Protein backbone atom coordinates (compact mmCIF):
# COMPACT_ATOMS: atom_id res chain seq x y z
CA MET A 1 -0.12 0.28 -0.42
CA LYS A 2 1.50 3.27 -1.30
CA ILE A 3 1.77 5.92 1.89
CA TYR A 4 0.86 9.01 -0.58
CA THR A 5 -2.40 9.15 -2.46
CA LYS A 6 -2.15 12.65 -4.24
CA GLN A 7 -6.18 12.60 -3.79
CA GLY A 8 -4.73 15.36 -0.30
CA ASP A 9 -2.81 17.46 -3.24
CA LYS A 10 -6.16 18.76 -4.37
CA GLY A 11 -8.01 19.67 -0.44
CA LYS A 12 -9.95 16.19 -0.15
CA THR A 13 -9.71 13.31 1.78
CA GLN A 14 -11.36 9.39 1.98
CA LEU A 15 -13.15 9.18 5.20
CA LEU A 16 -12.94 5.18 6.40
CA GLY A 17 -15.82 3.37 4.13
CA GLY A 18 -15.23 5.49 0.89
CA THR A 19 -17.05 8.82 0.78
CA ILE A 20 -14.20 11.93 -0.24
CA VAL A 21 -14.79 14.99 1.85
CA GLU A 22 -12.64 18.48 2.20
CA LYS A 23 -10.24 18.35 4.51
CA ASP A 24 -11.60 20.14 6.85
CA ASN A 25 -15.01 18.47 6.96
CA GLU A 26 -16.19 18.80 10.71
CA ARG A 27 -15.49 15.01 10.97
CA ILE A 28 -12.14 15.16 9.81
CA GLU A 29 -11.53 18.03 12.27
CA CYS A 30 -12.37 15.76 15.22
CA TYR A 31 -10.34 13.18 14.26
CA GLY A 32 -7.54 15.08 13.80
CA SER A 33 -7.51 16.47 17.01
CA ILE A 34 -8.05 13.20 18.40
CA ASP A 35 -5.06 12.06 16.46
CA GLU A 36 -2.64 15.15 17.76
CA LEU A 37 -4.16 14.37 21.75
CA ASN A 38 -2.84 10.81 20.60
CA ALA A 39 1.04 12.28 20.04
CA HIS A 40 0.77 14.19 22.83
CA ILE A 41 0.46 11.35 25.09
CA GLY A 42 2.63 9.34 23.19
CA HIS A 43 5.42 11.98 24.07
CA ILE A 44 4.25 11.70 27.71
CA TYR A 45 4.61 7.48 27.54
CA ASP A 46 7.78 8.40 26.14
CA HIS A 47 9.09 10.19 29.37
CA LYS A 48 10.00 8.11 32.70
CA LEU A 49 7.57 7.09 34.51
CA PRO A 50 6.11 4.32 36.31
CA ASN A 51 4.94 1.33 35.25
CA GLU A 52 1.67 1.19 35.78
CA ILE A 53 0.97 4.79 34.40
CA LYS A 54 2.84 3.50 31.14
CA LYS A 55 0.80 0.63 31.19
CA THR A 56 -2.62 3.08 31.06
CA LEU A 57 -0.87 5.60 28.88
CA LYS A 58 -0.69 2.68 25.92
CA ILE A 59 -4.14 1.37 26.76
CA ILE A 60 -5.73 5.17 26.09
CA GLN A 61 -3.64 5.63 22.93
CA ASN A 62 -5.36 2.27 21.86
CA LYS A 63 -8.82 3.82 22.39
CA LEU A 64 -7.95 7.04 21.08
CA PHE A 65 -7.17 5.08 17.74
CA ASP A 66 -10.44 2.84 17.68
CA MET A 67 -12.10 6.72 18.59
CA GLY A 68 -10.32 8.01 15.67
CA SER A 69 -11.31 5.06 13.71
CA ASN A 70 -14.85 5.70 14.91
CA ILE A 71 -15.60 8.76 13.86
CA ALA A 72 -13.46 8.71 10.32
CA PHE A 73 -16.22 5.92 9.84
CA ASP A 74 -19.19 6.96 7.20
CA LYS A 75 -21.05 4.11 8.10
CA LYS A 76 -21.59 3.14 4.38
CA ASN A 77 -19.92 -0.43 4.49
CA LYS A 78 -21.60 -2.83 6.64
CA ASN A 79 -19.11 -5.17 6.47
CA ILE A 80 -16.35 -2.90 8.83
CA ILE A 81 -16.75 -3.88 12.09
CA LEU A 82 -14.59 -1.76 14.34
CA PRO A 83 -13.61 -1.79 18.02
CA LEU A 84 -15.68 0.19 20.16
CA ILE A 85 -15.27 2.27 23.27
CA LEU A 86 -17.32 0.81 26.19
CA GLU A 87 -18.16 1.98 29.89
CA LYS A 88 -15.81 -0.26 30.98
CA ASP A 89 -12.94 1.79 29.16
CA ILE A 90 -14.41 5.06 30.75
CA LYS A 91 -14.43 3.05 34.47
CA LEU A 92 -10.65 2.63 34.42
CA LEU A 93 -10.28 6.28 34.13
CA GLU A 94 -11.71 6.83 36.85
CA GLU A 95 -10.36 3.78 38.84
CA GLU A 96 -7.25 5.20 37.51
CA ILE A 97 -8.48 8.67 38.69
CA ASP A 98 -8.95 7.51 42.32
CA LYS A 99 -5.76 5.78 42.78
CA MET A 100 -3.39 8.88 42.03
CA GLU A 101 -6.11 10.91 43.96
CA LYS A 102 -5.37 9.35 47.25
CA ASP A 103 -1.65 10.21 47.42
CA LEU A 104 -2.44 13.89 46.50
CA PRO A 105 -3.27 16.78 48.68
CA ALA A 106 -6.70 18.22 48.81
CA LEU A 107 -6.57 20.63 45.61
CA THR A 108 -7.67 24.15 47.16
CA ASN A 109 -6.28 26.68 44.83
CA PHE A 110 -6.56 27.07 40.72
CA ILE A 111 -2.92 25.55 39.65
CA LEU A 112 -1.09 26.78 36.70
CA PRO A 113 -0.15 24.44 34.11
CA SER A 114 3.61 24.10 35.09
CA GLY A 115 5.72 22.92 37.72
CA ASN A 116 7.85 20.06 35.70
CA LYS A 117 8.56 19.47 32.18
CA ILE A 118 6.41 16.03 31.85
CA ALA A 119 3.62 17.86 33.55
CA SER A 120 3.42 20.60 31.96
CA LEU A 121 3.19 17.65 28.78
CA THR A 122 0.30 16.59 30.39
CA HIS A 123 -1.45 19.62 30.51
CA ILE A 124 -1.09 20.24 27.21
CA ALA A 125 -2.62 17.19 26.30
CA ARG A 126 -5.50 18.08 28.42
CA THR A 127 -5.74 21.38 26.55
CA VAL A 128 -5.95 19.18 23.59
CA CYS A 129 -8.06 16.48 24.89
CA ARG A 130 -10.71 19.80 25.52
CA ARG A 131 -10.37 20.70 22.29
CA SER A 132 -10.92 16.86 21.08
CA GLU A 133 -14.42 16.88 22.79
CA ARG A 134 -15.29 20.87 21.76
CA ARG A 135 -14.99 19.31 18.31
CA LEU A 136 -16.84 16.48 19.28
CA ILE A 137 -19.93 17.97 20.48
CA LYS A 138 -20.32 19.79 17.26
CA LEU A 139 -19.91 16.73 15.30
CA ILE A 140 -22.63 15.35 17.15
CA ASP A 141 -25.18 17.99 16.47
CA ILE A 142 -24.04 17.38 13.30
CA SER A 143 -24.30 13.72 12.54
CA LYS A 144 -25.15 11.93 15.81
CA SER A 145 -22.06 9.91 16.52
CA GLU A 146 -21.45 8.41 19.81
CA ASP A 147 -21.96 10.09 22.97
CA ILE A 148 -19.95 7.64 24.73
CA HIS A 149 -16.78 9.21 23.06
CA LEU A 150 -17.53 12.50 24.02
CA LYS A 151 -17.88 10.80 27.85
CA TYR A 152 -14.40 9.35 27.41
CA LEU A 153 -12.62 12.37 26.45
CA ASN A 154 -14.15 14.19 29.38
CA ARG A 155 -12.91 11.57 31.16
CA LEU A 156 -9.94 11.55 29.92
CA SER A 157 -8.77 15.16 30.78
CA ASP A 158 -9.79 14.45 34.19
CA PHE A 159 -7.02 11.65 34.16
CA LEU A 160 -4.75 13.77 32.82
CA PHE A 161 -5.29 17.01 35.01
CA VAL A 162 -4.51 14.29 38.16
CA LEU A 163 -1.70 12.56 36.43
CA SER A 164 -0.10 16.57 35.96
CA ARG A 165 -0.66 16.82 39.53
CA PHE A 166 0.73 13.03 40.47
CA ILE A 167 3.66 13.51 38.66
CA ILE A 168 4.29 16.74 40.15
CA VAL A 169 4.15 15.34 43.93
CA SER A 170 5.75 12.17 42.82
CA ASN A 171 9.03 14.10 41.84
CA GLY A 172 9.04 16.41 44.76
CA ASP A 173 8.28 18.87 43.46
CA LYS A 174 5.64 22.13 43.99
CA GLU A 175 2.18 22.60 42.01
CA ILE A 176 2.13 26.61 40.77
CA ILE A 177 -0.82 28.34 42.52
CA TRP A 178 -2.85 30.75 40.50
CA GLU A 179 -2.01 34.01 42.31
CA LYS A 180 -5.26 36.27 40.91
CA ASN A 181 -4.09 39.85 41.32
CA LEU A 182 -0.35 40.05 40.95
């Protein structure tokens, strides 16, 4: 299979299933943002982290790939069967959040997205996750896409926020508190 089709040279691309659309199509915008999120999570994964966190990040990356393929699917070819995002996938994120939170101090102030290089990368991923959520909301309004994807992204942004805090605390660094009247 050739990597280049030259179809993109004219600003068009093909959805999974065969439909040709403009590259700025809502569906393309949505799964492109999810792909960007996946790349940021891969960057986090490539740093020194506990194996349990790396295992969870790898699961998340695979789930984001699953989600992207579902969003890219035009639903025309009924022979295409894709992996789904399930409630158990959301439950895994919630369990991981709960595990990390039990070792964190109570959050009493807003914190700035900084404090440690890996934690900062995690905050970048969190903001891309939120953008992906916004793109998905727009797509759901247009095409009645799956709501479970929205739920997964929402929980994933929570996971990434808690992960950033966990990384800071685990490394003995300090969270940087927002000072509103500086």
